[in-house]
Protein backbone atom coordinates (compact mmCIF):
# COMPACT_ATOMS: atom_id res chain seq x y z
CA MET A 1 -36.48 5.60 20.70
CA ALA A 2 -36.09 4.07 24.20
CA ALA A 3 -32.57 2.58 23.22
CA LEU A 4 -31.67 6.13 21.80
CA LEU A 5 -32.57 7.63 25.03
CA ALA A 6 -30.92 5.25 27.17
CA CYS A 7 -27.40 5.79 25.21
CA GLY A 8 -27.48 9.48 25.58
CA PRO A 9 -26.96 12.38 23.31
CA GLY A 10 -25.60 11.88 20.11
CA ALA A 11 -26.53 8.14 19.71
CA ALA A 12 -27.86 6.61 16.36
CA LEU A 13 -29.56 3.70 15.57
CA SER A 14 -26.95 1.65 13.53
CA HIS A 15 -25.81 -1.76 11.99
CA ARG A 16 -28.49 -4.26 11.62
CA SER A 17 -31.23 -2.16 13.26
CA ALA A 18 -30.55 0.65 10.94
CA ALA A 19 -30.73 -1.69 8.10
CA ALA A 20 -33.96 -2.90 9.45
CA LEU A 21 -35.33 0.60 9.36
CA TRP A 22 -34.33 1.25 5.97
CA ARG A 23 -35.54 -2.29 4.92
CA LEU A 24 -32.13 -3.53 3.72
CA ARG A 25 -32.32 -6.88 5.84
CA THR A 26 -35.36 -8.63 7.72
CA ASP A 27 -33.29 -9.93 10.61
CA ALA A 28 -34.86 -9.94 14.23
CA ILE A 29 -34.55 -6.27 15.55
CA LEU A 30 -33.28 -7.35 19.12
CA PRO A 31 -30.83 -6.38 20.53
CA VAL A 32 -31.38 -2.71 19.23
CA GLU A 33 -28.02 -1.75 17.86
CA VAL A 34 -26.83 1.74 18.57
CA THR A 35 -23.64 3.81 17.92
CA THR A 36 -22.71 6.39 20.60
CA PRO A 37 -19.78 8.71 20.42
CA ASP A 38 -18.64 7.82 23.91
CA GLY A 39 -19.87 4.55 24.59
CA HIS A 40 -21.83 5.91 27.68
CA GLY A 41 -25.21 5.31 28.40
CA ARG A 42 -27.12 2.75 30.55
CA LYS A 43 -26.44 -1.02 29.91
CA ARG A 44 -29.52 -2.65 28.79
CA ALA A 45 -29.83 -6.34 27.95
CA ARG A 46 -31.62 -5.52 24.65
CA ILE A 47 -29.41 -2.82 23.57
CA ALA A 48 -26.04 -3.23 21.73
CA THR A 49 -23.62 -0.42 21.71
CA HIS A 50 -20.87 0.52 19.21
CA ARG A 51 -18.51 3.01 20.19
CA THR A 52 -17.76 5.52 17.26
CA ALA A 53 -18.03 9.33 16.51
CA LEU A 54 -20.38 9.68 13.67
CA GLU A 55 -20.04 12.54 11.53
CA ARG A 56 -23.20 14.69 10.95
CA VAL A 57 -23.47 13.82 7.31
CA ASP A 58 -23.54 10.03 8.12
CA THR A 59 -26.89 10.32 10.09
CA VAL A 60 -30.45 11.54 9.36
CA VAL A 61 -33.55 11.75 11.57
CA ILE A 62 -36.57 9.84 10.75
CA ASP A 63 -39.71 9.91 12.53
CA GLY A 64 -37.70 11.34 15.60
CA LEU A 65 -35.06 8.64 15.27
CA ARG A 66 -31.49 9.46 14.44
CA VAL A 67 -30.22 6.62 12.40
CA THR A 68 -27.29 6.04 9.97
CA THR A 69 -27.70 6.71 6.36
CA PRO A 70 -28.11 3.77 3.85
CA SER A 71 -24.48 4.34 2.68
CA ARG A 72 -23.04 4.39 6.37
CA THR A 73 -25.28 1.45 7.48
CA LEU A 74 -23.73 -0.57 4.68
CA VAL A 75 -20.34 0.29 5.87
CA ASP A 76 -21.18 -0.90 9.24
CA LEU A 77 -22.68 -4.10 7.85
CA ALA A 78 -19.58 -4.78 5.97
CA THR A 79 -17.76 -5.38 8.96
CA MET A 80 -20.11 -8.08 10.17
CA LEU A 81 -21.66 -9.76 7.32
CA ASP A 82 -20.44 -12.33 5.14
CA GLY A 83 -19.93 -11.89 1.35
CA ARG A 84 -23.12 -13.29 0.35
CA ALA A 85 -25.18 -11.50 3.06
CA LEU A 86 -23.38 -8.23 2.20
CA ARG A 87 -24.28 -8.43 -1.49
CA GLU A 88 -27.85 -9.18 -0.83
CA ALA A 89 -27.89 -6.04 1.47
CA VAL A 90 -26.41 -3.92 -1.38
CA GLU A 91 -28.69 -5.51 -3.76
CA ARG A 92 -31.79 -4.54 -1.65
CA ALA A 93 -30.42 -1.12 -1.10
CA GLN A 94 -30.17 -0.87 -5.07
CA ASP A 95 -33.67 -2.42 -5.48
CA LEU A 96 -35.03 0.48 -3.15
CA ARG A 97 -32.84 3.17 -4.92
CA ARG A 98 -30.89 3.57 -1.55
CA PHE A 99 -27.58 2.63 -2.96
CA ASP A 100 -25.01 5.41 -4.37
CA ALA A 101 -21.48 4.30 -4.94
CA SER A 102 -19.82 7.47 -4.57
CA ASP A 103 -21.75 8.12 -1.27
CA VAL A 104 -20.51 4.53 -0.16
CA GLU A 105 -17.09 5.34 -1.26
CA ALA A 106 -17.29 8.42 0.92
CA ALA A 107 -18.92 6.96 3.85
CA ILE A 108 -16.09 4.23 3.59
CA ALA A 109 -13.11 7.04 3.81
CA ARG A 110 -14.94 8.78 6.72
CA ALA A 111 -15.03 5.55 8.68
CA GLY A 112 -11.37 5.01 8.19
CA LEU A 113 -12.10 1.03 8.63
CA ARG A 114 -9.45 -1.52 7.14
CA ARG A 115 -11.20 -4.50 7.36
CA PRO A 116 -11.89 -7.31 4.79
CA GLY A 117 -15.71 -6.53 4.75
CA THR A 118 -15.19 -2.90 3.69
CA ARG A 119 -12.90 -3.93 1.07
CA ARG A 120 -15.49 -6.29 -0.12
CA LEU A 121 -17.80 -3.47 -0.12
CA ARG A 122 -15.32 -1.06 -1.89
CA GLU A 123 -15.34 -3.47 -4.63
CA LEU A 124 -19.00 -3.52 -5.06
CA ALA A 125 -19.33 -0.08 -5.05
CA ALA A 126 -16.41 0.36 -7.88
CA LEU A 127 -18.59 -2.56 -9.94
CA LEU A 128 -21.73 -0.54 -9.29
CA GLY A 129 -20.65 2.81 -10.61
CA PRO A 130 -21.91 4.31 -13.62
CA ASP A 131 -21.08 2.87 -16.89
CA GLU A 132 -21.58 3.01 -20.70
CA ASP A 133 -23.87 0.02 -20.45
CA ASN A 134 -26.66 1.97 -18.47
CA ALA A 135 -26.98 -0.95 -16.14
CA ARG A 136 -28.39 0.20 -12.64
CA THR A 137 -27.43 -2.82 -10.35
CA HIS A 138 -24.95 -5.44 -9.69
CA LEU A 139 -27.00 -8.17 -11.08
CA GLU A 140 -27.77 -6.45 -14.34
CA ARG A 141 -23.84 -5.91 -14.64
CA LEU A 142 -23.39 -9.75 -13.95
CA PHE A 143 -25.93 -10.32 -16.71
CA LEU A 144 -24.08 -8.24 -19.19
CA ALA A 145 -20.78 -9.72 -18.20
CA LEU A 146 -22.40 -13.00 -19.24
CA LEU A 147 -23.40 -11.80 -22.42
CA ARG A 148 -19.87 -10.36 -23.32
CA ARG A 149 -18.70 -14.05 -22.88
CA THR A 150 -20.95 -15.21 -25.81
CA ALA A 151 -21.85 -14.14 -29.29
CA LEU A 152 -25.15 -13.19 -28.68
CA PRO A 153 -26.55 -9.89 -29.59
CA ARG A 154 -26.23 -7.15 -27.01
CA PRO A 155 -29.67 -5.83 -25.47
CA ILE A 156 -30.68 -2.52 -24.75
CA ALA A 157 -30.48 -1.89 -20.81
CA ASN A 158 -33.07 -0.05 -19.18
CA HIS A 159 -35.42 0.06 -22.07
CA GLU A 160 -38.75 2.00 -21.59
CA ILE A 161 -41.73 -0.07 -22.57
CA ALA A 162 -45.29 1.39 -21.98
CA GLY A 163 -44.17 3.91 -19.54
CA ARG A 164 -41.77 1.34 -17.47
CA ARG A 165 -38.22 0.74 -17.52
CA ARG A 166 -37.25 -2.96 -18.48
CA ASP A 167 -33.85 -4.58 -17.52
CA PHE A 168 -33.17 -5.75 -20.93
CA ALA A 169 -34.99 -5.73 -24.33
CA TRP A 170 -34.08 -7.15 -27.66
CA PRO A 171 -36.63 -4.83 -29.69
CA GLY A 172 -35.78 -6.87 -32.99
CA HIS A 173 -36.63 -10.22 -31.52
CA GLY A 174 -39.36 -9.11 -29.20
CA LEU A 175 -37.60 -10.40 -26.19
CA VAL A 176 -37.53 -8.58 -22.71
CA VAL A 177 -35.43 -10.09 -19.68
CA GLU A 178 -35.90 -9.09 -16.04
CA THR A 179 -33.14 -9.88 -13.56
CA ASP A 180 -34.74 -10.87 -10.33
CA GLY A 181 -32.79 -10.30 -7.12
CA TYR A 182 -33.07 -12.10 -3.71
CA ARG A 183 -35.42 -10.30 -1.87
CA TYR A 184 -37.26 -7.71 -4.14
CA HIS A 185 -38.71 -10.39 -6.00
CA SER A 186 -39.30 -13.13 -3.57
CA SER A 187 -42.37 -12.01 -1.57
CA ARG A 188 -45.85 -13.28 -2.81
CA GLN A 189 -46.88 -9.71 -3.27
CA ALA A 190 -43.74 -9.23 -5.61
CA LYS A 191 -44.54 -12.23 -7.54
CA ARG A 192 -48.08 -11.06 -8.13
CA ARG A 193 -46.87 -7.68 -9.38
CA ASP A 194 -44.06 -9.13 -11.66
CA HIS A 195 -46.84 -11.71 -13.04
CA ARG A 196 -48.84 -8.53 -13.83
CA ARG A 197 -46.16 -6.94 -15.44
CA ASP A 198 -45.34 -9.85 -17.66
CA ARG A 199 -49.03 -10.24 -18.91
CA ARG A 200 -49.02 -6.60 -19.84
CA LEU A 201 -45.69 -7.17 -21.80
CA THR A 202 -47.34 -10.30 -23.49
CA ALA A 203 -50.09 -8.40 -24.42
CA LEU A 204 -48.01 -5.70 -26.07
CA GLY A 205 -46.42 -8.40 -28.18
CA TRP A 206 -43.34 -8.77 -26.21
CA ARG A 207 -41.89 -12.19 -24.57
CA PRO A 208 -41.05 -11.61 -21.07
CA VAL A 209 -38.12 -13.89 -19.43
CA ARG A 210 -37.14 -13.85 -15.87
CA PHE A 211 -33.56 -15.03 -14.47
CA THR A 212 -32.64 -15.16 -10.91
CA TYR A 213 -29.62 -14.19 -9.11
CA GLU A 214 -28.73 -17.72 -8.64
CA GLU A 215 -29.10 -18.54 -12.38
CA ILE A 216 -27.14 -15.42 -13.39
CA ALA A 217 -24.25 -16.05 -11.00
CA PHE A 218 -23.86 -19.73 -10.70
CA GLU A 219 -25.49 -20.98 -13.94
CA PRO A 220 -24.37 -18.73 -16.69
CA ALA A 221 -24.03 -21.38 -19.36
CA GLY A 222 -27.35 -22.34 -18.85
CA VAL A 223 -28.90 -19.01 -19.08
CA ALA A 224 -26.60 -18.35 -22.28
CA ARG A 225 -27.97 -21.53 -23.88
CA GLU A 226 -31.66 -20.60 -23.02
CA LEU A 227 -31.13 -17.18 -24.40
CA ALA A 228 -29.63 -18.46 -27.53
CA GLY A 229 -32.56 -20.69 -28.08
CA LEU A 230 -35.02 -17.78 -27.46
CA LEU A 231 -33.11 -15.34 -29.73
CA GLY A 232 -32.59 -18.07 -32.30
CA GLU A 233 -36.09 -19.23 -32.26
CA ARG A 234 -37.31 -15.76 -32.90
CA ARG A 235 -34.94 -15.33 -35.78
CA ARG A 236 -36.05 -18.63 -37.44
CA ALA A 237 -40.08 -17.46 -36.99
CA ILE A 238 -39.05 -14.43 -38.89
């Protein structure tokens, strides 16, 4: 709030500070990053200002703080993060249900930025748009792309079991696969939650298996072999 007051009317938290508020990143919060329409405001050592006229649709007010929307925040992050860090932020936004491909496209168009980072973000937005596979995240689409290169049977994406949607399920084989992103599944609390969910599935007669982003993106052959073994074992057992 102090940073916004120091930067004057029309100022909004943006870039990494907005990402921290939306929980898209966990960087240190200093300096506080603020976007102002005219670049004015008092100079402060702990405030980094960006001069841009934001449209009203690109900001919201949360607890009295004006902040860029998740979509506009991702556009700003795209100009300063490398490809992997941007992908992590997008994945986190998806996990928190704060990523909408069409909103991101619109925010990019309004920003009028032509930088390599925004091109990467546009490519992610196109990849993450609605499709016939019912996949919700970039990681789920990567997993489906991996399966298309194999002769393995296709799963049901976002299959509901016991009142909760699971990433992928092969009902005929009793197999459930969850794809675990970087941040949403890495904390101690998240791991405890995942273990509870897996035990619940096991009690219901399913076999839960988890694959990380690194495995799916960088070790697809190993993932395919493991899946083939799991599905094959089930078929032989039957």
